Amino acid sequence: MKKIALCISLLLPLIAWSNTCEIQEVALCKAAEQGNEDALIMLGTLYYEGKGVKQDFKKTAQLISQAALKGNARAQTILGAMYYEGKGVGQDYSEAAKWYKLAAEQGYSMAQGQLATLYYMGKGVPLDYQIASKWFMEAAEQGDSYSQALLGAMYYEGKGVDKDSKIAAKWLKKASEQNNPKAHFILGFLFLTGDGVRKNEALASKYFRKACDSGLQDGCYAYSKLSKKN
């Protein structure tokens, strides 16, 4: 899913470099050499993005691994994403799941969402909707919009949880408030059919339009079709 594909860049902080970047880099290298977890992650960021240094995914993985082995949840999540993507390391879904789980067990919401996704797809772990819903719930309760949307979809479809359109609508609304395209679209469908919410074509149109504006083509199609009907 797109979230996994984007997760590395979302986790790695952007660093503004001035004309003194060489001096800053030396200081950063020193801190990393001393095992500072934040420095290891930041230096890994530079190698990942090629800022001030030549882009080197293998070097990124080496640096991030050091912080991950120290138990840093953010580093563990980044490393999990690198194994999932096969950047700087051989692609290995089982290793991705291993690192995501270590971070997820520390309560790191992004890792919880990614681990849930692996269970949902059966990549690197056995396909298990119940475990997927558990981890989506953990992340959703912390406000992760991706997990809220997927959890809502699981309640709507009855995957890993008892089918409940009202609970589905609750989580989808939370994700929609954070501008999640998938949540916009499914909410539009719920309002169109009156499933779990009071039927309201005006709201259905509103959510389909939001999904469309967020780049979801299904939302554009649904919005256009509903607009022609009215």
C-alpha atoms as a PDB file:
ATOM      1  CA  MET A   1       0.000   0.000   0.000  1.00  0.00           C
ATOM      2  CA  LYS A   2       0.990   3.595  -0.581  1.00  0.00           C
ATOM      3  CA  LYS A   3       1.391   4.257   3.094  1.00  0.00           C
ATOM      4  CA  ILE A   4       4.222   1.748   3.338  1.00  0.00           C
ATOM      5  CA  ALA A   5       5.830   3.128   0.223  1.00  0.00           C
ATOM      6  CA  LEU A   6       5.799   6.612   1.736  1.00  0.00           C
ATOM      7  CA  CYS A   7       6.580   5.699   5.314  1.00  0.00           C
ATOM      8  CA  ILE A   8      10.367   6.098   5.068  1.00  0.00           C
ATOM      9  CA  SER A   9      10.190   9.641   3.781  1.00  0.00           C
ATOM     10  CA  LEU A  10       7.538  10.539   6.354  1.00  0.00           C
ATOM     11  CA  LEU A  11       9.673   9.273   9.214  1.00  0.00           C
ATOM     12  CA  LEU A  12      12.976  10.764   8.152  1.00  0.00           C
ATOM     13  CA  PRO A  13      13.103  14.411   9.259  1.00  0.00           C
ATOM     14  CA  LEU A  14      13.894  17.156   6.804  1.00  0.00           C
ATOM     15  CA  ILE A  15      17.030  19.056   7.726  1.00  0.00           C
ATOM     16  CA  ALA A  16      17.699  22.552   6.423  1.00  0.00           C
ATOM     17  CA  TRP A  17      21.322  22.955   5.498  1.00  0.00           C
ATOM     18  CA  SER A  18      23.007  26.333   5.401  1.00  0.00           C
ATOM     19  CA  ASN A  19      26.399  27.258   3.996  1.00  0.00           C
ATOM     20  CA  THR A  20      27.985  25.769   7.136  1.00  0.00           C
ATOM     21  CA  CYS A  21      26.650  22.304   6.325  1.00  0.00           C
ATOM     22  CA  GLU A  22      30.150  20.805   6.309  1.00  0.00           C
ATOM     23  CA  ILE A  23      30.702  21.883   9.922  1.00  0.00           C
ATOM     24  CA  GLN A  24      27.271  20.637  10.943  1.00  0.00           C
ATOM     25  CA  GLU A  25      27.937  17.333   9.226  1.00  0.00           C
ATOM     26  CA  VAL A  26      31.158  16.845  11.179  1.00  0.00           C
ATOM     27  CA  ALA A  27      29.340  17.476  14.441  1.00  0.00           C
ATOM     28  CA  LEU A  28      26.609  15.092  13.396  1.00  0.00           C
ATOM     29  CA  CYS A  29      29.119  12.415  12.468  1.00  0.00           C
ATOM     30  CA  LYS A  30      30.813  12.772  15.846  1.00  0.00           C
ATOM     31  CA  ALA A  31      27.523  12.358  17.683  1.00  0.00           C
ATOM     32  CA  ALA A  32      26.647   9.342  15.535  1.00  0.00           C
ATOM     33  CA  GLU A  33      30.047   7.789  16.201  1.00  0.00           C
ATOM     34  CA  GLN A  34      29.320   8.143  19.912  1.00  0.00           C
ATOM     35  CA  GLY A  35      26.100   6.174  19.407  1.00  0.00           C
ATOM     36  CA  ASN A  36      23.626   9.034  19.748  1.00  0.00           C
ATOM     37  CA  GLU A  37      20.357   7.598  18.410  1.00  0.00           C
ATOM     38  CA  ASP A  38      18.991  10.874  17.059  1.00  0.00           C
ATOM     39  CA  ALA A  39      22.291  11.572  15.319  1.00  0.00           C
ATOM     40  CA  LEU A  40      22.334   8.111  13.768  1.00  0.00           C
ATOM     41  CA  ILE A  41      18.832   8.653  12.408  1.00  0.00           C
ATOM     42  CA  MET A  42      19.589  12.161  11.155  1.00  0.00           C
ATOM     43  CA  LEU A  43      22.808  11.071   9.476  1.00  0.00           C
ATOM     44  CA  GLY A  44      20.936   8.159   7.955  1.00  0.00           C
ATOM     45  CA  THR A  45      18.434  10.715   6.659  1.00  0.00           C
ATOM     46  CA  LEU A  46      21.163  12.619   4.851  1.00  0.00           C
ATOM     47  CA  TYR A  47      22.439   9.506   3.124  1.00  0.00           C
ATOM     48  CA  TYR A  48      18.884   8.476   2.246  1.00  0.00           C
ATOM     49  CA  GLU A  49      18.020  11.830   0.715  1.00  0.00           C
ATOM     50  CA  GLY A  50      21.488  12.661  -0.611  1.00  0.00           C
ATOM     51  CA  LYS A  51      21.637  15.978   1.238  1.00  0.00           C
ATOM     52  CA  GLY A  52      25.202  17.178   1.740  1.00  0.00           C
ATOM     53  CA  VAL A  53      26.461  13.664   1.013  1.00  0.00           C
ATOM     54  CA  LYS A  54      26.201  11.216  -1.867  1.00  0.00           C
ATOM     55  CA  GLN A  55      22.936   9.278  -1.693  1.00  0.00           C
ATOM     56  CA  ASP A  56      23.655   5.845  -0.248  1.00  0.00           C
ATOM     57  CA  PHE A  57      20.804   3.594   0.897  1.00  0.00           C
ATOM     58  CA  LYS A  58      23.206   0.970   2.241  1.00  0.00           C
ATOM     59  CA  LYS A  59      24.852   3.561   4.472  1.00  0.00           C
ATOM     60  CA  THR A  60      21.404   4.665   5.599  1.00  0.00           C
ATOM     61  CA  ALA A  61      20.521   1.102   6.547  1.00  0.00           C
ATOM     62  CA  GLN A  62      23.786   0.676   8.459  1.00  0.00           C
ATOM     63  CA  LEU A  63      23.229   3.843  10.479  1.00  0.00           C
ATOM     64  CA  ILE A  64      19.542   3.239  11.114  1.00  0.00           C
ATOM     65  CA  SER A  65      20.307  -0.350  12.153  1.00  0.00           C
ATOM     66  CA  GLN A  66      22.577   0.902  14.915  1.00  0.00           C
ATOM     67  CA  ALA A  67      19.797   3.025  16.387  1.00  0.00           C
ATOM     68  CA  ALA A  68      17.253   0.242  15.875  1.00  0.00           C
ATOM     69  CA  LEU A  69      19.426  -2.235  17.765  1.00  0.00           C
ATOM     70  CA  LYS A  70      19.482   0.219  20.665  1.00  0.00           C
ATOM     71  CA  GLY A  71      15.691  -0.086  20.815  1.00  0.00           C
ATOM     72  CA  ASN A  72      14.788   3.202  19.130  1.00  0.00           C
ATOM     73  CA  ALA A  73      11.206   2.731  17.892  1.00  0.00           C
ATOM     74  CA  ARG A  74      11.457   5.300  15.110  1.00  0.00           C
ATOM     75  CA  ALA A  75      14.641   3.696  13.791  1.00  0.00           C
ATOM     76  CA  GLN A  76      13.045   0.255  14.015  1.00  0.00           C
ATOM     77  CA  THR A  77      10.112   1.509  11.951  1.00  0.00           C
ATOM     78  CA  ILE A  78      12.385   3.068   9.335  1.00  0.00           C
ATOM     79  CA  LEU A  79      14.417  -0.131   9.141  1.00  0.00           C
ATOM     80  CA  GLY A  80      11.226  -2.148   8.762  1.00  0.00           C
ATOM     81  CA  ALA A  81      10.231   0.093   5.865  1.00  0.00           C
ATOM     82  CA  MET A  82      13.643  -0.318   4.243  1.00  0.00           C
ATOM     83  CA  TYR A  83      13.322  -4.101   4.397  1.00  0.00           C
ATOM     84  CA  TYR A  84       9.821  -3.825   2.964  1.00  0.00           C
ATOM     85  CA  GLU A  85      11.021  -1.605   0.128  1.00  0.00           C
ATOM     86  CA  GLY A  86      14.327  -3.409  -0.367  1.00  0.00           C
ATOM     87  CA  LYS A  87      16.288  -0.166  -0.116  1.00  0.00           C
ATOM     88  CA  GLY A  88      19.832  -0.560   1.187  1.00  0.00           C
ATOM     89  CA  VAL A  89      19.022  -4.125   2.233  1.00  0.00           C
ATOM     90  CA  GLY A  90      17.611  -7.168   0.493  1.00  0.00           C
ATOM     91  CA  GLN A  91      13.830  -7.046   0.333  1.00  0.00           C
ATOM     92  CA  ASP A  92      12.553  -9.218   3.166  1.00  0.00           C
ATOM     93  CA  TYR A  93       8.970  -8.971   4.403  1.00  0.00           C
ATOM     94  CA  SER A  94       9.693 -11.185   7.415  1.00  0.00           C
ATOM     95  CA  GLU A  95      12.473  -8.843   8.535  1.00  0.00           C
ATOM     96  CA  ALA A  96      10.169  -5.893   7.932  1.00  0.00           C
ATOM     97  CA  ALA A  97       7.556  -7.505  10.174  1.00  0.00           C
ATOM     98  CA  LYS A  98      10.171  -8.230  12.839  1.00  0.00           C
ATOM     99  CA  TRP A  99      11.274  -4.594  13.091  1.00  0.00           C
ATOM    100  CA  TYR A 100       7.753  -3.207  12.821  1.00  0.00           C
ATOM    101  CA  LYS A 101       6.679  -5.481  15.673  1.00  0.00           C
ATOM    102  CA  LEU A 102       9.514  -4.332  17.928  1.00  0.00           C
ATOM    103  CA  ALA A 103       8.454  -0.713  17.408  1.00  0.00           C
ATOM    104  CA  ALA A 104       4.741  -1.527  17.568  1.00  0.00           C
ATOM    105  CA  GLU A 105       5.175  -3.159  20.965  1.00  0.00           C
ATOM    106  CA  GLN A 106       6.625   0.141  22.181  1.00  0.00           C
ATOM    107  CA  GLY A 107       3.411   1.873  21.140  1.00  0.00           C
ATOM    108  CA  TYR A 108       4.772   3.511  17.973  1.00  0.00           C
ATOM    109  CA  SER A 109       1.618   4.132  15.955  1.00  0.00           C
ATOM    110  CA  MET A 110       3.145   4.153  12.480  1.00  0.00           C
ATOM    111  CA  ALA A 111       4.783   0.785  13.117  1.00  0.00           C
ATOM    112  CA  GLN A 112       1.492  -0.571  14.441  1.00  0.00           C
ATOM    113  CA  GLY A 113      -0.246   0.475  11.241  1.00  0.00           C
ATOM    114  CA  GLN A 114       2.461  -1.056   9.046  1.00  0.00           C
ATOM    115  CA  LEU A 115       2.483  -4.307  11.024  1.00  0.00           C
ATOM    116  CA  ALA A 116      -1.303  -4.457  10.731  1.00  0.00           C
ATOM    117  CA  THR A 117      -0.973  -3.997   6.977  1.00  0.00           C
ATOM    118  CA  LEU A 118       1.415  -6.943   6.714  1.00  0.00           C
ATOM    119  CA  TYR A 119      -1.056  -9.164   8.584  1.00  0.00           C
ATOM    120  CA  TYR A 120      -3.869  -7.839   6.402  1.00  0.00           C
ATOM    121  CA  MET A 121      -1.958  -8.733   3.225  1.00  0.00           C
ATOM    122  CA  GLY A 122      -0.194 -11.836   4.560  1.00  0.00           C
ATOM    123  CA  LYS A 123       3.256 -10.497   3.714  1.00  0.00           C
ATOM    124  CA  GLY A 124       6.083 -11.733   5.938  1.00  0.00           C
ATOM    125  CA  VAL A 125       3.505 -13.047   8.403  1.00  0.00           C
ATOM    126  CA  PRO A 126       0.480 -15.335   8.057  1.00  0.00           C
ATOM    127  CA  LEU A 127      -2.618 -13.580   6.733  1.00  0.00           C
ATOM    128  CA  ASP A 128      -4.674 -12.840   9.846  1.00  0.00           C
ATOM    129  CA  TYR A 129      -7.454 -10.250   9.827  1.00  0.00           C
ATOM    130  CA  GLN A 130      -7.992 -10.481  13.583  1.00  0.00           C
ATOM    131  CA  ILE A 131      -4.387  -9.597  14.362  1.00  0.00           C
ATOM    132  CA  ALA A 132      -4.504  -6.916  11.669  1.00  0.00           C
ATOM    133  CA  SER A 133      -7.584  -5.347  13.265  1.00  0.00           C
ATOM    134  CA  LYS A 134      -5.905  -5.445  16.687  1.00  0.00           C
ATOM    135  CA  TRP A 135      -2.894  -3.464  15.497  1.00  0.00           C
ATOM    136  CA  PHE A 136      -5.005  -1.095  13.405  1.00  0.00           C
ATOM    137  CA  MET A 137      -7.037  -0.411  16.548  1.00  0.00           C
ATOM    138  CA  GLU A 138      -3.889   0.303  18.578  1.00  0.00           C
ATOM    139  CA  ALA A 139      -2.737   2.851  16.002  1.00  0.00           C
ATOM    140  CA  ALA A 140      -6.212   4.262  15.340  1.00  0.00           C
ATOM    141  CA  GLU A 141      -6.695   5.052  19.012  1.00  0.00           C
ATOM    142  CA  GLN A 142      -3.521   7.145  18.829  1.00  0.00           C
ATOM    143  CA  GLY A 143      -4.973   9.149  15.949  1.00  0.00           C
ATOM    144  CA  ASP A 144      -3.262   7.495  12.977  1.00  0.00           C
ATOM    145  CA  SER A 145      -5.577   8.350  10.064  1.00  0.00           C
ATOM    146  CA  TYR A 146      -4.371   5.512   7.837  1.00  0.00           C
ATOM    147  CA  SER A 147      -5.196   2.965  10.530  1.00  0.00           C
ATOM    148  CA  GLN A 148      -8.505   4.653  11.321  1.00  0.00           C
ATOM    149  CA  ALA A 149      -9.530   4.362   7.669  1.00  0.00           C
ATOM    150  CA  LEU A 150      -8.475   0.720   7.369  1.00  0.00           C
ATOM    151  CA  LEU A 151     -10.117  -0.160  10.679  1.00  0.00           C
ATOM    152  CA  GLY A 152     -13.317   1.497   9.494  1.00  0.00           C
ATOM    153  CA  ALA A 153     -13.157  -0.502   6.267  1.00  0.00           C
ATOM    154  CA  MET A 154     -12.655  -3.723   8.234  1.00  0.00           C
ATOM    155  CA  TYR A 155     -15.723  -3.007  10.371  1.00  0.00           C
ATOM    156  CA  TYR A 156     -17.698  -2.228   7.240  1.00  0.00           C
ATOM    157  CA  GLU A 157     -16.625  -5.492   5.574  1.00  0.00           C
ATOM    158  CA  GLY A 158     -16.616  -7.605   8.739  1.00  0.00           C
ATOM    159  CA  LYS A 159     -12.987  -8.641   8.312  1.00  0.00           C
ATOM    160  CA  GLY A 160     -11.330  -9.663  11.572  1.00  0.00           C
ATOM    161  CA  VAL A 161     -14.146  -7.998  13.516  1.00  0.00           C
ATOM    162  CA  ASP A 162     -17.919  -8.320  13.647  1.00  0.00           C
ATOM    163  CA  LYS A 163     -19.476  -6.337  10.814  1.00  0.00           C
ATOM    164  CA  ASP A 164     -20.757  -3.060  12.251  1.00  0.00           C
ATOM    165  CA  SER A 165     -21.475  -0.134   9.944  1.00  0.00           C
ATOM    166  CA  LYS A 166     -21.974   2.301  12.827  1.00  0.00           C
ATOM    167  CA  ILE A 167     -18.530   1.590  14.241  1.00  0.00           C
ATOM    168  CA  ALA A 168     -17.166   1.709  10.697  1.00  0.00           C
ATOM    169  CA  ALA A 169     -18.662   5.181  10.236  1.00  0.00           C
ATOM    170  CA  LYS A 170     -17.166   6.341  13.536  1.00  0.00           C
ATOM    171  CA  TRP A 171     -13.606   5.460  12.522  1.00  0.00           C
ATOM    172  CA  LEU A 172     -14.060   6.632   8.962  1.00  0.00           C
ATOM    173  CA  LYS A 173     -15.232  10.032  10.192  1.00  0.00           C
ATOM    174  CA  LYS A 174     -12.121  10.345  12.350  1.00  0.00           C
ATOM    175  CA  ALA A 175      -9.908   9.500   9.380  1.00  0.00           C
ATOM    176  CA  SER A 176     -11.882  11.792   7.086  1.00  0.00           C
ATOM    177  CA  GLU A 177     -11.300  14.679   9.483  1.00  0.00           C
ATOM    178  CA  GLN A 178      -7.594  14.148   8.767  1.00  0.00           C
ATOM    179  CA  ASN A 179      -8.289  14.198   5.012  1.00  0.00           C
ATOM    180  CA  ASN A 180      -7.863  10.487   4.320  1.00  0.00           C
ATOM    181  CA  PRO A 181      -9.087   9.849   0.731  1.00  0.00           C
ATOM    182  CA  LYS A 182     -10.217   6.259   1.340  1.00  0.00           C
ATOM    183  CA  ALA A 183     -12.233   7.369   4.371  1.00  0.00           C
ATOM    184  CA  HIS A 184     -13.883  10.150   2.354  1.00  0.00           C
ATOM    185  CA  PHE A 185     -14.944   7.666  -0.301  1.00  0.00           C
ATOM    186  CA  ILE A 186     -16.349   4.958   1.975  1.00  0.00           C
ATOM    187  CA  LEU A 187     -18.163   7.576   4.054  1.00  0.00           C
ATOM    188  CA  GLY A 188     -19.720   8.894   0.877  1.00  0.00           C
ATOM    189  CA  PHE A 189     -20.974   5.412   0.099  1.00  0.00           C
ATOM    190  CA  LEU A 190     -22.378   5.005   3.628  1.00  0.00           C
ATOM    191  CA  PHE A 191     -24.292   8.274   3.390  1.00  0.00           C
ATOM    192  CA  LEU A 192     -25.509   7.342  -0.083  1.00  0.00           C
ATOM    193  CA  THR A 193     -26.917   4.011   1.096  1.00  0.00           C
ATOM    194  CA  GLY A 194     -27.816   4.959   4.667  1.00  0.00           C
ATOM    195  CA  ASP A 195     -25.681   2.149   6.041  1.00  0.00           C
ATOM    196  CA  GLY A 196     -24.582   2.936   9.600  1.00  0.00           C
ATOM    197  CA  VAL A 197     -25.593   6.582   9.190  1.00  0.00           C
ATOM    198  CA  ARG A 198     -28.741   8.447   8.212  1.00  0.00           C
ATOM    199  CA  LYS A 199     -29.088   8.492   4.428  1.00  0.00           C
ATOM    200  CA  ASN A 200     -28.052  11.871   3.049  1.00  0.00           C
ATOM    201  CA  GLU A 201     -27.179  12.311  -0.619  1.00  0.00           C
ATOM    202  CA  ALA A 202     -25.878  15.827  -0.055  1.00  0.00           C
ATOM    203  CA  LEU A 203     -23.310  14.510   2.433  1.00  0.00           C
ATOM    204  CA  ALA A 204     -22.547  11.586   0.140  1.00  0.00           C
ATOM    205  CA  SER A 205     -21.783  14.055  -2.649  1.00  0.00           C
ATOM    206  CA  LYS A 206     -19.652  16.133  -0.277  1.00  0.00           C
ATOM    207  CA  TYR A 207     -17.507  13.150   0.728  1.00  0.00           C
ATOM    208  CA  PHE A 208     -17.189  11.857  -2.831  1.00  0.00           C
ATOM    209  CA  ARG A 209     -16.002  15.323  -3.852  1.00  0.00           C
ATOM    210  CA  LYS A 210     -13.460  15.325  -1.017  1.00  0.00           C
ATOM    211  CA  ALA A 211     -12.193  11.928  -2.143  1.00  0.00           C
ATOM    212  CA  CYS A 212     -11.914  13.221  -5.706  1.00  0.00           C
ATOM    213  CA  ASP A 213     -10.096  16.380  -4.612  1.00  0.00           C
ATOM    214  CA  SER A 214      -7.667  14.148  -2.691  1.00  0.00           C
ATOM    215  CA  GLY A 215      -6.789  12.312  -5.890  1.00  0.00           C
ATOM    216  CA  LEU A 216      -8.981   9.208  -5.578  1.00  0.00           C
ATOM    217  CA  GLN A 217     -10.421   8.466  -9.020  1.00  0.00           C
ATOM    218  CA  ASP A 218     -13.237   6.321  -7.622  1.00  0.00           C
ATOM    219  CA  GLY A 219     -14.334   9.411  -5.712  1.00  0.00           C
ATOM    220  CA  CYS A 220     -14.374  11.471  -8.913  1.00  0.00           C
ATOM    221  CA  TYR A 221     -16.471   8.849 -10.683  1.00  0.00           C
ATOM    222  CA  ALA A 222     -18.954   8.581  -7.793  1.00  0.00           C
ATOM    223  CA  TYR A 223     -19.209  12.364  -7.459  1.00  0.00           C
ATOM    224  CA  SER A 224     -19.816  12.798 -11.181  1.00  0.00           C
ATOM    225  CA  LYS A 225     -22.426  10.044 -11.290  1.00  0.00           C
ATOM    226  CA  LEU A 226     -24.297  11.399  -8.260  1.00  0.00           C
ATOM    227  CA  SER A 227     -24.172  14.960  -9.596  1.00  0.00           C
ATOM    228  CA  LYS A 228     -25.715  13.857 -12.909  1.00  0.00           C
ATOM    229  CA  LYS A 229     -28.449  12.010 -11.046  1.00  0.00           C
ATOM    230  CA  ASN A 230     -29.384  15.165  -9.146  1.00  0.00           C
END
